[in-house]
Amino acid sequence: MNALSEKWKQVILVLLVFLTVVSIGLTITLHDARDQSKDSSLRNTTEITRCTTITEPGKYVLAEDFGDQKSLSASCITIRSSHVVLDGANHTIRGGGVSDSTGILVSHSQRVTNVTIHSVTVIDWNRGIYAKNASDVSIQEVNASHNSEGIAFQNTSQSTVTRSLAKHNLFGVVVDNSSEGIEVEGSQIESNYADDVKRWEHHSPERTNQTTNDRRTQHR
């Protein structure tokens, strides 16, 4: 009887050792998979150190302050691809204060969709951030100040400005009559010289009186 009991003890001990080894192996495999996923995510992030045009989907991050664009009719960063995240990493894109210049332009003739811009400051531009022929553009935690137009939308739909600042521009937020579903929430759009929020037509500008904080603008 004792011999049988000892045999069962040995069997149970072997099973416990086996289960422990399997558990350790699974843990190592899971950690390796997470590390590989993290490495892959980092590899898919592109650093930006100067004015450029983005033509491929992906995540892009500013690595430093830059800009000071002196030429006319120029955009510092142009996003021509859908499915783009631009992380400003709290850096500044500075313009040269010239006419018809743009800090960040989201535009393509075939329409751009699903673009996120966040954590960036754009100052001294004709337009700080400008979305044209686009949809589903999300602008988050940006500072668009000391421009002619802080944030502008043209022929753009279902887009948002959240937790952002637009002060000391000529106009804080500009929305044209062909845009719809533009929402401004949780943002400080104030102390702009001509108007905080302006709705306009291409050839006949019209000013509107609107409140400035936590507002929602719907254009039909």
N, C-alpha and C. Protein backbone atom coordinates (compact mmCIF):
# COMPACT_ATOMS: atom_id res chain seq x y z
N MET A 1 0.83 -1.20 0.00
CA MET A 1 0.00 0.00 0.00
C MET A 1 0.86 1.25 0.00
N ASN A 2 1.94 1.20 0.85
CA ASN A 2 2.84 2.34 0.90
C ASN A 2 3.56 2.55 -0.43
N ALA A 3 3.91 1.44 -1.08
CA ALA A 3 4.59 1.53 -2.38
C ALA A 3 3.68 2.19 -3.41
N LEU A 4 2.38 1.85 -3.37
CA LEU A 4 1.43 2.44 -4.30
C LEU A 4 1.28 3.94 -4.04
N SER A 5 1.25 4.30 -2.76
CA SER A 5 1.12 5.72 -2.40
C SER A 5 2.33 6.51 -2.88
N GLU A 6 3.53 5.95 -2.72
CA GLU A 6 4.74 6.63 -3.17
C GLU A 6 4.73 6.80 -4.68
N LYS A 7 4.20 5.80 -5.38
CA LYS A 7 4.13 5.87 -6.84
C LYS A 7 3.24 7.03 -7.29
N TRP A 8 2.08 7.18 -6.61
CA TRP A 8 1.16 8.27 -6.96
C TRP A 8 1.78 9.63 -6.65
N LYS A 9 2.54 9.69 -5.57
CA LYS A 9 3.23 10.95 -5.24
C LYS A 9 4.21 11.33 -6.34
N GLN A 10 4.93 10.33 -6.86
CA GLN A 10 5.88 10.60 -7.93
C GLN A 10 5.16 11.07 -9.19
N VAL A 11 4.02 10.46 -9.51
CA VAL A 11 3.24 10.85 -10.69
C VAL A 11 2.75 12.28 -10.55
N ILE A 12 2.22 12.62 -9.36
CA ILE A 12 1.72 13.98 -9.12
C ILE A 12 2.84 14.99 -9.21
N LEU A 13 4.02 14.64 -8.67
CA LEU A 13 5.17 15.55 -8.71
C LEU A 13 5.61 15.82 -10.15
N VAL A 14 5.64 14.75 -10.97
CA VAL A 14 6.02 14.90 -12.37
C VAL A 14 5.02 15.81 -13.10
N LEU A 15 3.72 15.63 -12.82
CA LEU A 15 2.69 16.46 -13.44
C LEU A 15 2.84 17.92 -13.04
N LEU A 16 3.14 18.17 -11.77
CA LEU A 16 3.32 19.54 -11.30
C LEU A 16 4.51 20.21 -11.98
N VAL A 17 5.60 19.46 -12.11
CA VAL A 17 6.78 20.00 -12.79
C VAL A 17 6.46 20.31 -14.25
N PHE A 18 5.74 19.40 -14.89
CA PHE A 18 5.37 19.59 -16.29
C PHE A 18 4.51 20.83 -16.48
N LEU A 19 3.50 20.98 -15.61
CA LEU A 19 2.60 22.14 -15.70
C LEU A 19 3.35 23.44 -15.44
N THR A 20 4.32 23.41 -14.53
CA THR A 20 5.11 24.60 -14.24
C THR A 20 5.93 25.02 -15.45
N VAL A 21 6.56 24.05 -16.11
CA VAL A 21 7.36 24.34 -17.30
C VAL A 21 6.50 24.90 -18.42
N VAL A 22 5.32 24.32 -18.62
CA VAL A 22 4.41 24.80 -19.66
C VAL A 22 3.97 26.23 -19.36
N SER A 23 3.66 26.51 -18.07
CA SER A 23 3.22 27.86 -17.68
C SER A 23 4.31 28.89 -17.93
N ILE A 24 5.56 28.55 -17.58
CA ILE A 24 6.68 29.47 -17.82
C ILE A 24 6.87 29.72 -19.30
N GLY A 25 6.74 28.67 -20.11
CA GLY A 25 6.89 28.80 -21.55
C GLY A 25 5.84 29.72 -22.15
N LEU A 26 4.60 29.58 -21.70
CA LEU A 26 3.53 30.43 -22.20
C LEU A 26 3.76 31.88 -21.82
N THR A 27 4.24 32.12 -20.59
CA THR A 27 4.51 33.49 -20.13
C THR A 27 5.58 34.15 -20.98
N ILE A 28 6.66 33.40 -21.26
CA ILE A 28 7.75 33.93 -22.08
C ILE A 28 7.25 34.24 -23.49
N THR A 29 6.42 33.34 -24.03
CA THR A 29 5.89 33.55 -25.37
C THR A 29 5.03 34.79 -25.45
N LEU A 30 4.19 35.01 -24.42
CA LEU A 30 3.32 36.19 -24.40
C LEU A 30 4.14 37.47 -24.32
N HIS A 31 5.19 37.47 -23.47
CA HIS A 31 6.06 38.64 -23.34
C HIS A 31 6.77 38.94 -24.66
N ASP A 32 7.25 37.87 -25.33
CA ASP A 32 7.92 38.05 -26.61
C ASP A 32 6.97 38.64 -27.65
N ALA A 33 5.73 38.15 -27.64
CA ALA A 33 4.74 38.66 -28.60
C ALA A 33 4.46 40.13 -28.35
N ARG A 34 4.34 40.52 -27.05
CA ARG A 34 4.10 41.92 -26.73
C ARG A 34 5.27 42.79 -27.14
N ASP A 35 6.49 42.31 -26.89
CA ASP A 35 7.68 43.07 -27.26
C ASP A 35 7.76 43.25 -28.77
N GLN A 36 7.45 42.18 -29.51
CA GLN A 36 7.49 42.27 -30.96
C GLN A 36 6.45 43.24 -31.47
N SER A 37 5.25 43.23 -30.83
CA SER A 37 4.20 44.16 -31.22
C SER A 37 4.62 45.59 -30.97
N LYS A 38 5.27 45.83 -29.82
CA LYS A 38 5.74 47.17 -29.48
C LYS A 38 6.81 47.62 -30.46
N ASP A 39 7.75 46.72 -30.78
CA ASP A 39 8.81 47.06 -31.73
C ASP A 39 8.23 47.38 -33.10
N SER A 40 7.21 46.60 -33.51
CA SER A 40 6.58 46.85 -34.80
C SER A 40 5.91 48.20 -34.83
N SER A 41 5.24 48.57 -33.70
CA SER A 41 4.59 49.87 -33.62
C SER A 41 5.60 51.00 -33.74
N LEU A 42 6.76 50.84 -33.08
CA LEU A 42 7.79 51.86 -33.14
C LEU A 42 8.36 51.98 -34.55
N ARG A 43 8.53 50.83 -35.22
CA ARG A 43 9.06 50.85 -36.58
C ARG A 43 8.12 51.56 -37.53
N ASN A 44 6.81 51.52 -37.23
CA ASN A 44 5.82 52.12 -38.11
C ASN A 44 5.60 53.60 -37.83
N THR A 45 6.34 54.18 -36.89
CA THR A 45 6.25 55.60 -36.60
C THR A 45 7.38 56.34 -37.32
N THR A 46 7.01 57.35 -38.09
CA THR A 46 7.98 58.12 -38.86
C THR A 46 8.23 59.46 -38.19
N GLU A 47 9.49 59.79 -37.93
CA GLU A 47 9.83 61.07 -37.34
C GLU A 47 9.90 62.15 -38.41
N ILE A 48 9.43 63.34 -38.06
CA ILE A 48 9.48 64.49 -38.97
C ILE A 48 10.33 65.57 -38.33
N THR A 49 11.29 66.08 -39.08
CA THR A 49 12.19 67.12 -38.56
C THR A 49 12.18 68.38 -39.41
N ARG A 50 11.35 68.41 -40.45
CA ARG A 50 11.28 69.58 -41.32
C ARG A 50 9.97 69.55 -42.10
N CYS A 51 9.68 70.62 -42.80
CA CYS A 51 8.45 70.68 -43.61
C CYS A 51 8.46 69.54 -44.63
N THR A 52 7.30 68.91 -44.83
CA THR A 52 7.25 67.73 -45.69
C THR A 52 5.83 67.49 -46.17
N THR A 53 5.68 66.56 -47.11
CA THR A 53 4.38 66.12 -47.59
C THR A 53 4.19 64.65 -47.24
N ILE A 54 3.09 64.33 -46.59
CA ILE A 54 2.78 62.96 -46.17
C ILE A 54 1.86 62.35 -47.22
N THR A 55 2.30 61.27 -47.84
CA THR A 55 1.54 60.64 -48.92
C THR A 55 1.17 59.18 -48.62
N GLU A 56 1.55 58.68 -47.44
CA GLU A 56 1.27 57.29 -47.08
C GLU A 56 0.57 57.23 -45.74
N PRO A 57 -0.35 56.27 -45.54
CA PRO A 57 -0.99 56.11 -44.23
C PRO A 57 0.06 55.78 -43.17
N GLY A 58 -0.22 56.10 -41.92
CA GLY A 58 0.70 55.75 -40.85
C GLY A 58 0.71 56.80 -39.74
N LYS A 59 1.60 56.57 -38.78
CA LYS A 59 1.76 57.49 -37.66
C LYS A 59 3.04 58.29 -37.85
N TYR A 60 2.94 59.60 -37.70
CA TYR A 60 4.07 60.50 -37.87
C TYR A 60 4.20 61.36 -36.62
N VAL A 61 5.43 61.59 -36.18
CA VAL A 61 5.64 62.36 -34.96
C VAL A 61 6.71 63.42 -35.20
N LEU A 62 6.45 64.63 -34.72
CA LEU A 62 7.44 65.70 -34.84
C LEU A 62 8.57 65.45 -33.84
N ALA A 63 9.81 65.55 -34.30
CA ALA A 63 10.96 65.30 -33.44
C ALA A 63 11.55 66.59 -32.88
N GLU A 64 11.15 67.74 -33.42
CA GLU A 64 11.69 69.02 -32.97
C GLU A 64 10.82 70.15 -33.48
N ASP A 65 11.08 71.38 -33.02
CA ASP A 65 10.42 72.56 -33.55
C ASP A 65 11.04 72.90 -34.92
N PHE A 66 10.23 73.40 -35.85
CA PHE A 66 10.77 73.83 -37.14
C PHE A 66 9.74 74.71 -37.84
N GLY A 67 10.01 75.09 -39.06
CA GLY A 67 9.10 75.91 -39.84
C GLY A 67 9.77 77.16 -40.33
N ASP A 68 9.24 78.33 -39.91
CA ASP A 68 9.74 79.63 -40.34
C ASP A 68 9.72 79.73 -41.86
N GLN A 69 8.57 79.30 -42.44
CA GLN A 69 8.44 79.26 -43.90
C GLN A 69 8.27 80.67 -44.46
N LYS A 70 9.19 81.11 -45.30
CA LYS A 70 9.16 82.47 -45.83
C LYS A 70 8.46 82.59 -47.18
N SER A 71 8.37 81.49 -47.92
CA SER A 71 7.84 81.58 -49.28
C SER A 71 6.32 81.73 -49.27
N LEU A 72 5.79 82.33 -50.33
CA LEU A 72 4.35 82.51 -50.47
C LEU A 72 3.69 81.22 -50.92
N SER A 73 2.39 81.11 -50.63
CA SER A 73 1.57 79.98 -51.10
C SER A 73 2.17 78.64 -50.70
N ALA A 74 2.74 78.56 -49.52
CA ALA A 74 3.41 77.33 -49.09
C ALA A 74 2.74 76.75 -47.86
N SER A 75 2.76 75.42 -47.77
CA SER A 75 2.33 74.71 -46.57
C SER A 75 3.53 74.00 -45.99
N CYS A 76 3.66 74.04 -44.68
CA CYS A 76 4.81 73.37 -44.09
C CYS A 76 4.62 71.85 -44.10
N ILE A 77 3.55 71.38 -43.50
CA ILE A 77 3.23 69.95 -43.54
C ILE A 77 1.93 69.78 -44.32
N THR A 78 1.99 69.01 -45.39
CA THR A 78 0.81 68.71 -46.20
C THR A 78 0.49 67.23 -46.07
N ILE A 79 -0.74 66.93 -45.66
CA ILE A 79 -1.19 65.54 -45.52
C ILE A 79 -2.11 65.23 -46.70
N ARG A 80 -1.64 64.38 -47.59
CA ARG A 80 -2.40 64.02 -48.79
C ARG A 80 -2.90 62.58 -48.76
N SER A 81 -2.72 61.92 -47.62
CA SER A 81 -3.13 60.52 -47.49
C SER A 81 -4.20 60.39 -46.41
N SER A 82 -5.09 59.43 -46.60
CA SER A 82 -6.05 59.08 -45.55
C SER A 82 -5.36 58.19 -44.51
N HIS A 83 -6.01 58.04 -43.36
CA HIS A 83 -5.55 57.15 -42.29
C HIS A 83 -4.16 57.57 -41.78
N VAL A 84 -4.08 58.81 -41.35
CA VAL A 84 -2.82 59.37 -40.86
C VAL A 84 -3.03 59.92 -39.45
N VAL A 85 -2.06 59.65 -38.57
CA VAL A 85 -2.00 60.29 -37.26
C VAL A 85 -0.74 61.15 -37.22
N LEU A 86 -0.91 62.44 -36.96
CA LEU A 86 0.23 63.34 -36.82
C LEU A 86 0.32 63.77 -35.36
N ASP A 87 1.34 63.29 -34.68
CA ASP A 87 1.58 63.60 -33.28
C ASP A 87 2.61 64.72 -33.20
N GLY A 88 2.19 65.89 -32.73
CA GLY A 88 3.11 67.01 -32.63
C GLY A 88 4.09 66.91 -31.50
N ALA A 89 3.84 66.00 -30.54
CA ALA A 89 4.74 65.80 -29.39
C ALA A 89 5.06 67.13 -28.70
N ASN A 90 4.07 68.04 -28.70
CA ASN A 90 4.18 69.35 -28.05
C ASN A 90 5.22 70.26 -28.69
N HIS A 91 5.55 70.02 -29.95
CA HIS A 91 6.47 70.89 -30.66
C HIS A 91 5.70 72.00 -31.39
N THR A 92 6.47 72.97 -31.93
CA THR A 92 5.90 74.15 -32.60
C THR A 92 6.30 74.19 -34.06
N ILE A 93 5.32 74.47 -34.92
CA ILE A 93 5.59 74.73 -36.34
C ILE A 93 5.36 76.22 -36.54
N ARG A 94 6.41 76.95 -36.81
CA ARG A 94 6.34 78.41 -36.87
C ARG A 94 6.40 78.89 -38.31
N GLY A 95 5.49 79.81 -38.65
CA GLY A 95 5.46 80.37 -39.98
C GLY A 95 6.24 81.67 -40.07
N GLY A 96 6.26 82.22 -41.26
CA GLY A 96 6.97 83.48 -41.48
C GLY A 96 6.06 84.68 -41.55
N GLY A 97 4.75 84.46 -41.24
CA GLY A 97 3.82 85.56 -41.23
C GLY A 97 3.45 86.07 -42.61
N VAL A 98 3.58 85.21 -43.65
CA VAL A 98 3.29 85.64 -45.02
C VAL A 98 1.90 85.18 -45.45
N SER A 99 1.38 85.81 -46.49
CA SER A 99 0.02 85.50 -46.95
C SER A 99 -0.06 84.15 -47.65
N ASP A 100 -1.24 83.55 -47.57
CA ASP A 100 -1.54 82.28 -48.24
C ASP A 100 -0.58 81.16 -47.87
N SER A 101 -0.11 81.16 -46.63
CA SER A 101 0.74 80.08 -46.13
C SER A 101 -0.05 79.29 -45.09
N THR A 102 0.30 78.03 -44.92
CA THR A 102 -0.43 77.15 -44.01
C THR A 102 0.55 76.32 -43.19
N GLY A 103 0.28 76.21 -41.90
CA GLY A 103 1.13 75.38 -41.05
C GLY A 103 0.95 73.90 -41.36
N ILE A 104 -0.29 73.41 -41.23
CA ILE A 104 -0.62 72.01 -41.53
C ILE A 104 -1.83 72.00 -42.46
N LEU A 105 -1.65 71.44 -43.64
CA LEU A 105 -2.73 71.35 -44.64
C LEU A 105 -3.13 69.89 -44.81
N VAL A 106 -4.44 69.62 -44.70
CA VAL A 106 -5.00 68.30 -44.97
C VAL A 106 -5.83 68.42 -46.24
N SER A 107 -5.35 67.89 -47.34
CA SER A 107 -6.07 68.09 -48.60
C SER A 107 -5.60 67.14 -49.68
N HIS A 108 -6.55 66.72 -50.53
CA HIS A 108 -6.25 65.95 -51.73
C HIS A 108 -7.44 66.09 -52.66
N SER A 109 -7.20 66.10 -53.94
CA SER A 109 -8.29 66.25 -54.91
C SER A 109 -9.28 65.09 -54.83
N GLN A 110 -8.80 63.90 -54.40
CA GLN A 110 -9.66 62.72 -54.29
C GLN A 110 -10.29 62.58 -52.91
N ARG A 111 -10.09 63.57 -52.04
CA ARG A 111 -10.62 63.62 -50.68
C ARG A 111 -9.79 62.77 -49.71
N VAL A 112 -9.54 63.35 -48.56
CA VAL A 112 -8.77 62.70 -47.50
C VAL A 112 -9.72 62.40 -46.34
N THR A 113 -9.56 61.23 -45.71
CA THR A 113 -10.41 60.88 -44.58
C THR A 113 -9.61 60.20 -43.48
N ASN A 114 -10.14 60.28 -42.26
CA ASN A 114 -9.54 59.64 -41.09
C ASN A 114 -8.13 60.17 -40.82
N VAL A 115 -8.06 61.44 -40.47
CA VAL A 115 -6.79 62.08 -40.14
C VAL A 115 -6.90 62.67 -38.74
N THR A 116 -5.91 62.39 -37.89
CA THR A 116 -5.85 62.96 -36.54
C THR A 116 -4.60 63.81 -36.40
N ILE A 117 -4.78 65.01 -35.89
CA ILE A 117 -3.67 65.92 -35.61
C ILE A 117 -3.76 66.30 -34.14
N HIS A 118 -2.68 66.08 -33.39
CA HIS A 118 -2.78 66.41 -31.97
C HIS A 118 -1.44 66.87 -31.39
N SER A 119 -1.54 67.61 -30.30
CA SER A 119 -0.39 68.01 -29.48
C SER A 119 0.65 68.81 -30.26
N VAL A 120 0.19 69.84 -30.96
CA VAL A 120 1.11 70.67 -31.74
C VAL A 120 0.69 72.13 -31.64
N THR A 121 1.67 73.04 -31.76
CA THR A 121 1.42 74.47 -31.80
C THR A 121 1.75 75.00 -33.19
N VAL A 122 0.83 75.77 -33.78
CA VAL A 122 1.06 76.39 -35.09
C VAL A 122 0.84 77.89 -34.94
N ILE A 123 1.88 78.68 -35.20
CA ILE A 123 1.79 80.13 -35.02
C ILE A 123 2.43 80.86 -36.20
N ASP A 124 1.94 82.09 -36.44
CA ASP A 124 2.49 82.98 -37.48
C ASP A 124 2.26 82.47 -38.89
N TRP A 125 1.09 81.86 -39.14
CA TRP A 125 0.72 81.42 -40.48
C TRP A 125 -0.52 82.17 -40.94
N ASN A 126 -0.77 82.16 -42.25
CA ASN A 126 -2.05 82.67 -42.72
C ASN A 126 -3.17 81.76 -42.20
N ARG A 127 -2.98 80.46 -42.34
CA ARG A 127 -3.89 79.47 -41.74
C ARG A 127 -3.05 78.51 -40.90
N GLY A 128 -3.40 78.39 -39.64
CA GLY A 128 -2.63 77.47 -38.78
C GLY A 128 -2.81 76.02 -39.20
N ILE A 129 -4.08 75.55 -39.17
CA ILE A 129 -4.44 74.21 -39.63
C ILE A 129 -5.60 74.37 -40.60
N TYR A 130 -5.50 73.73 -41.75
CA TYR A 130 -6.48 73.92 -42.83
C TYR A 130 -6.87 72.57 -43.40
N ALA A 131 -8.14 72.19 -43.26
CA ALA A 131 -8.66 70.95 -43.83
C ALA A 131 -9.52 71.29 -45.03
N LYS A 132 -9.18 70.74 -46.19
CA LYS A 132 -9.88 71.05 -47.43
C LYS A 132 -10.15 69.75 -48.19
N ASN A 133 -11.38 69.57 -48.64
CA ASN A 133 -11.77 68.34 -49.34
C ASN A 133 -11.48 67.12 -48.47
N ALA A 134 -11.98 67.14 -47.25
CA ALA A 134 -11.64 66.08 -46.29
C ALA A 134 -12.87 65.69 -45.46
N SER A 135 -12.74 64.58 -44.76
CA SER A 135 -13.78 64.15 -43.82
C SER A 135 -13.12 63.39 -42.67
N ASP A 136 -13.82 63.36 -41.53
CA ASP A 136 -13.32 62.66 -40.35
C ASP A 136 -11.92 63.14 -39.97
N VAL A 137 -11.78 64.46 -39.86
CA VAL A 137 -10.52 65.05 -39.40
C VAL A 137 -10.69 65.40 -37.93
N SER A 138 -9.81 64.89 -37.09
CA SER A 138 -9.87 65.13 -35.65
C SER A 138 -8.67 65.98 -35.24
N ILE A 139 -8.95 67.16 -34.71
CA ILE A 139 -7.91 68.08 -34.25
C ILE A 139 -7.99 68.16 -32.74
N GLN A 140 -6.96 67.70 -32.05
CA GLN A 140 -7.00 67.55 -30.60
C GLN A 140 -5.80 68.22 -29.94
N GLU A 141 -6.08 68.96 -28.88
CA GLU A 141 -5.02 69.51 -28.03
C GLU A 141 -3.98 70.28 -28.84
N VAL A 142 -4.46 71.13 -29.75
CA VAL A 142 -3.55 71.97 -30.53
C VAL A 142 -3.66 73.42 -30.05
N ASN A 143 -2.61 74.17 -30.30
CA ASN A 143 -2.60 75.61 -30.04
C ASN A 143 -2.41 76.30 -31.39
N ALA A 144 -3.49 76.88 -31.90
CA ALA A 144 -3.44 77.57 -33.19
C ALA A 144 -3.67 79.06 -32.92
N SER A 145 -2.62 79.78 -32.62
CA SER A 145 -2.72 81.18 -32.20
C SER A 145 -1.77 82.05 -33.01
N HIS A 146 -2.10 83.37 -33.05
CA HIS A 146 -1.27 84.36 -33.75
C HIS A 146 -1.17 84.05 -35.25
N ASN A 147 -2.29 83.62 -35.83
CA ASN A 147 -2.39 83.40 -37.27
C ASN A 147 -3.48 84.31 -37.82
N SER A 148 -3.62 84.35 -39.14
CA SER A 148 -4.78 85.03 -39.69
C SER A 148 -6.04 84.21 -39.40
N GLU A 149 -6.01 82.92 -39.71
CA GLU A 149 -7.08 81.99 -39.36
C GLU A 149 -6.46 80.86 -38.55
N GLY A 150 -6.95 80.64 -37.34
CA GLY A 150 -6.38 79.59 -36.50
C GLY A 150 -6.58 78.20 -37.08
N ILE A 151 -7.86 77.82 -37.25
CA ILE A 151 -8.23 76.51 -37.81
C ILE A 151 -9.31 76.75 -38.84
N ALA A 152 -9.15 76.21 -40.04
CA ALA A 152 -10.10 76.47 -41.13
C ALA A 152 -10.55 75.17 -41.78
N PHE A 153 -11.84 75.14 -42.17
CA PHE A 153 -12.42 73.98 -42.85
C PHE A 153 -13.06 74.45 -44.16
N GLN A 154 -12.74 73.76 -45.25
CA GLN A 154 -13.37 74.04 -46.53
C GLN A 154 -13.77 72.72 -47.19
N ASN A 155 -15.05 72.61 -47.55
CA ASN A 155 -15.58 71.39 -48.17
C ASN A 155 -15.18 70.16 -47.35
N THR A 156 -15.40 70.25 -46.07
CA THR A 156 -14.99 69.19 -45.13
C THR A 156 -16.20 68.80 -44.27
N SER A 157 -16.28 67.51 -43.92
CA SER A 157 -17.44 67.02 -43.17
C SER A 157 -17.02 66.16 -41.99
N GLN A 158 -17.94 66.08 -41.01
CA GLN A 158 -17.83 65.18 -39.87
C GLN A 158 -16.45 65.26 -39.21
N SER A 159 -16.07 66.46 -38.84
CA SER A 159 -14.74 66.68 -38.26
C SER A 159 -14.87 67.45 -36.95
N THR A 160 -13.84 67.34 -36.09
CA THR A 160 -13.95 67.88 -34.74
C THR A 160 -12.70 68.66 -34.33
N VAL A 161 -12.92 69.62 -33.46
CA VAL A 161 -11.84 70.32 -32.77
C VAL A 161 -12.12 70.15 -31.28
N THR A 162 -11.24 69.49 -30.55
CA THR A 162 -11.46 69.24 -29.13
C THR A 162 -10.24 69.62 -28.31
N ARG A 163 -10.50 70.12 -27.11
CA ARG A 163 -9.46 70.45 -26.12
C ARG A 163 -8.33 71.28 -26.74
N SER A 164 -8.70 72.26 -27.56
CA SER A 164 -7.72 73.04 -28.29
C SER A 164 -7.84 74.53 -27.95
N LEU A 165 -6.84 75.29 -28.38
CA LEU A 165 -6.76 76.72 -28.10
C LEU A 165 -6.58 77.48 -29.40
N ALA A 166 -7.40 78.51 -29.62
CA ALA A 166 -7.24 79.39 -30.77
C ALA A 166 -7.47 80.82 -30.29
N LYS A 167 -6.38 81.54 -30.05
CA LYS A 167 -6.44 82.90 -29.51
C LYS A 167 -5.53 83.84 -30.31
N HIS A 168 -5.93 85.12 -30.31
CA HIS A 168 -5.11 86.17 -30.93
C HIS A 168 -4.85 85.92 -32.42
N ASN A 169 -5.83 85.27 -33.07
CA ASN A 169 -5.85 85.20 -34.53
C ASN A 169 -6.77 86.32 -35.04
N LEU A 170 -6.81 86.51 -36.35
CA LEU A 170 -7.84 87.37 -36.89
C LEU A 170 -9.19 86.67 -36.71
N PHE A 171 -9.26 85.39 -37.12
CA PHE A 171 -10.42 84.54 -36.89
C PHE A 171 -9.96 83.26 -36.19
N GLY A 172 -10.70 82.82 -35.19
CA GLY A 172 -10.31 81.61 -34.46
C GLY A 172 -10.54 80.34 -35.27
N VAL A 173 -11.82 80.09 -35.62
CA VAL A 173 -12.19 78.92 -36.44
C VAL A 173 -13.04 79.43 -37.61
N VAL A 174 -12.69 78.99 -38.82
CA VAL A 174 -13.42 79.38 -40.02
C VAL A 174 -14.01 78.14 -40.67
N VAL A 175 -15.31 78.19 -40.99
CA VAL A 175 -16.00 77.06 -41.63
C VAL A 175 -16.74 77.60 -42.85
N ASP A 176 -16.51 77.01 -44.02
CA ASP A 176 -17.18 77.52 -45.21
C ASP A 176 -18.54 76.85 -45.38
N ASN A 177 -19.35 77.38 -46.31
CA ASN A 177 -20.73 76.92 -46.46
C ASN A 177 -20.85 75.53 -47.08
N SER A 178 -19.78 74.97 -47.61
CA SER A 178 -19.85 73.62 -48.17
C SER A 178 -19.43 72.55 -47.15
N SER A 179 -19.08 72.98 -45.96
CA SER A 179 -18.70 72.03 -44.90
C SER A 179 -19.92 71.72 -44.02
N GLU A 180 -19.94 70.53 -43.44
CA GLU A 180 -21.04 70.16 -42.55
C GLU A 180 -20.55 69.20 -41.48
N GLY A 181 -21.27 69.20 -40.36
CA GLY A 181 -20.91 68.31 -39.27
C GLY A 181 -19.60 68.67 -38.60
N ILE A 182 -19.28 69.96 -38.53
CA ILE A 182 -18.06 70.41 -37.86
C ILE A 182 -18.39 70.71 -36.40
N GLU A 183 -17.69 70.08 -35.48
CA GLU A 183 -17.96 70.26 -34.05
C GLU A 183 -16.74 70.82 -33.34
N VAL A 184 -16.98 71.80 -32.47
CA VAL A 184 -15.92 72.39 -31.65
C VAL A 184 -16.34 72.22 -30.20
N GLU A 185 -15.59 71.44 -29.45
CA GLU A 185 -15.98 71.11 -28.08
C GLU A 185 -14.79 71.17 -27.14
N GLY A 186 -15.06 71.63 -25.92
CA GLY A 186 -14.05 71.62 -24.88
C GLY A 186 -12.83 72.44 -25.23
N SER A 187 -13.01 73.50 -26.02
CA SER A 187 -11.89 74.29 -26.53
C SER A 187 -12.03 75.76 -26.14
N GLN A 188 -10.91 76.45 -26.13
CA GLN A 188 -10.90 77.89 -25.89
C GLN A 188 -10.71 78.61 -27.22
N ILE A 189 -11.82 79.07 -27.78
CA ILE A 189 -11.78 79.82 -29.03
C ILE A 189 -12.19 81.25 -28.65
N GLU A 190 -11.22 82.08 -28.33
CA GLU A 190 -11.55 83.38 -27.74
C GLU A 190 -10.42 84.39 -27.98
N SER A 191 -10.77 85.65 -27.75
CA SER A 191 -9.81 86.76 -27.87
C SER A 191 -9.21 86.85 -29.27
N ASN A 192 -10.02 86.49 -30.28
CA ASN A 192 -9.60 86.68 -31.67
C ASN A 192 -10.11 88.03 -32.15
N TYR A 193 -9.36 88.69 -33.02
CA TYR A 193 -9.58 90.11 -33.27
C TYR A 193 -10.84 90.41 -34.08
N ALA A 194 -11.16 89.63 -35.09
CA ALA A 194 -12.34 89.89 -35.91
C ALA A 194 -13.53 89.05 -35.46
N ASP A 195 -13.33 87.77 -35.28
CA ASP A 195 -14.41 86.88 -34.84
C ASP A 195 -13.79 85.59 -34.32
N ASP A 196 -14.48 84.98 -33.35
CA ASP A 196 -13.99 83.71 -32.82
C ASP A 196 -14.33 82.55 -33.75
N VAL A 197 -15.57 82.53 -34.22
CA VAL A 197 -15.99 81.51 -35.19
C VAL A 197 -16.65 82.23 -36.35
N LYS A 198 -16.20 81.94 -37.57
CA LYS A 198 -16.73 82.60 -38.76
C LYS A 198 -17.23 81.58 -39.76
N ARG A 199 -18.43 81.80 -40.26
CA ARG A 199 -18.99 80.97 -41.32
C ARG A 199 -19.01 81.80 -42.59
N TRP A 200 -18.49 81.26 -43.68
CA TRP A 200 -18.36 82.11 -44.85
C TRP A 200 -18.68 81.36 -46.14
N GLU A 201 -18.98 82.15 -47.17
CA GLU A 201 -19.14 81.64 -48.53
C GLU A 201 -17.91 82.06 -49.32
N HIS A 202 -17.61 81.31 -50.36
CA HIS A 202 -16.36 81.53 -51.10
C HIS A 202 -16.22 82.95 -51.62
N HIS A 203 -17.31 83.53 -52.10
CA HIS A 203 -17.21 84.86 -52.71
C HIS A 203 -17.97 85.92 -51.94
N SER A 204 -18.61 85.52 -50.85
CA SER A 204 -19.40 86.48 -50.07
C SER A 204 -19.26 86.18 -48.59
N PRO A 205 -18.21 86.65 -47.97
CA PRO A 205 -18.00 86.36 -46.55
C PRO A 205 -19.15 86.87 -45.69
N GLU A 206 -19.55 86.05 -44.74
CA GLU A 206 -20.58 86.44 -43.79
C GLU A 206 -20.09 86.15 -42.39
N ARG A 207 -20.25 87.11 -41.53
CA ARG A 207 -19.85 86.90 -40.15
C ARG A 207 -21.04 86.42 -39.35
N THR A 208 -20.75 85.59 -38.35
CA THR A 208 -21.81 85.10 -37.48
C THR A 208 -21.43 85.36 -36.05
N ASN A 209 -22.44 85.58 -35.22
CA ASN A 209 -22.20 85.77 -33.79
C ASN A 209 -22.48 84.45 -33.09
N GLN A 210 -21.46 83.92 -32.40
CA GLN A 210 -21.60 82.66 -31.71
C GLN A 210 -20.85 82.73 -30.40
N THR A 211 -21.25 81.91 -29.45
CA THR A 211 -20.50 81.82 -28.21
C THR A 211 -19.19 81.13 -28.48
N THR A 212 -18.25 81.20 -27.53
CA THR A 212 -16.90 80.78 -27.85
C THR A 212 -16.48 79.47 -27.21
N ASN A 213 -16.98 79.13 -26.05
CA ASN A 213 -16.46 77.94 -25.37
C ASN A 213 -17.46 76.79 -25.42
N ASP A 214 -16.93 75.57 -25.60
CA ASP A 214 -17.75 74.37 -25.63
C ASP A 214 -18.92 74.50 -26.60
N ARG A 215 -18.63 75.00 -27.82
CA ARG A 215 -19.71 75.20 -28.75
C ARG A 215 -19.75 74.05 -29.75
N ARG A 216 -20.88 73.88 -30.37
CA ARG A 216 -21.04 72.87 -31.44
C ARG A 216 -21.61 73.59 -32.65
N THR A 217 -20.92 73.51 -33.79
CA THR A 217 -21.41 74.17 -34.99
C THR A 217 -21.83 73.12 -35.99
N GLN A 218 -23.06 73.21 -36.46
CA GLN A 218 -23.57 72.29 -37.47
C GLN A 218 -23.96 73.10 -38.69
N HIS A 219 -23.40 72.78 -39.86
CA HIS A 219 -23.69 73.53 -41.08
C HIS A 219 -24.38 72.62 -42.07
N ARG A 220 -25.58 73.00 -42.42
CA ARG A 220 -26.37 72.16 -43.32
C ARG A 220 -26.36 72.72 -44.73
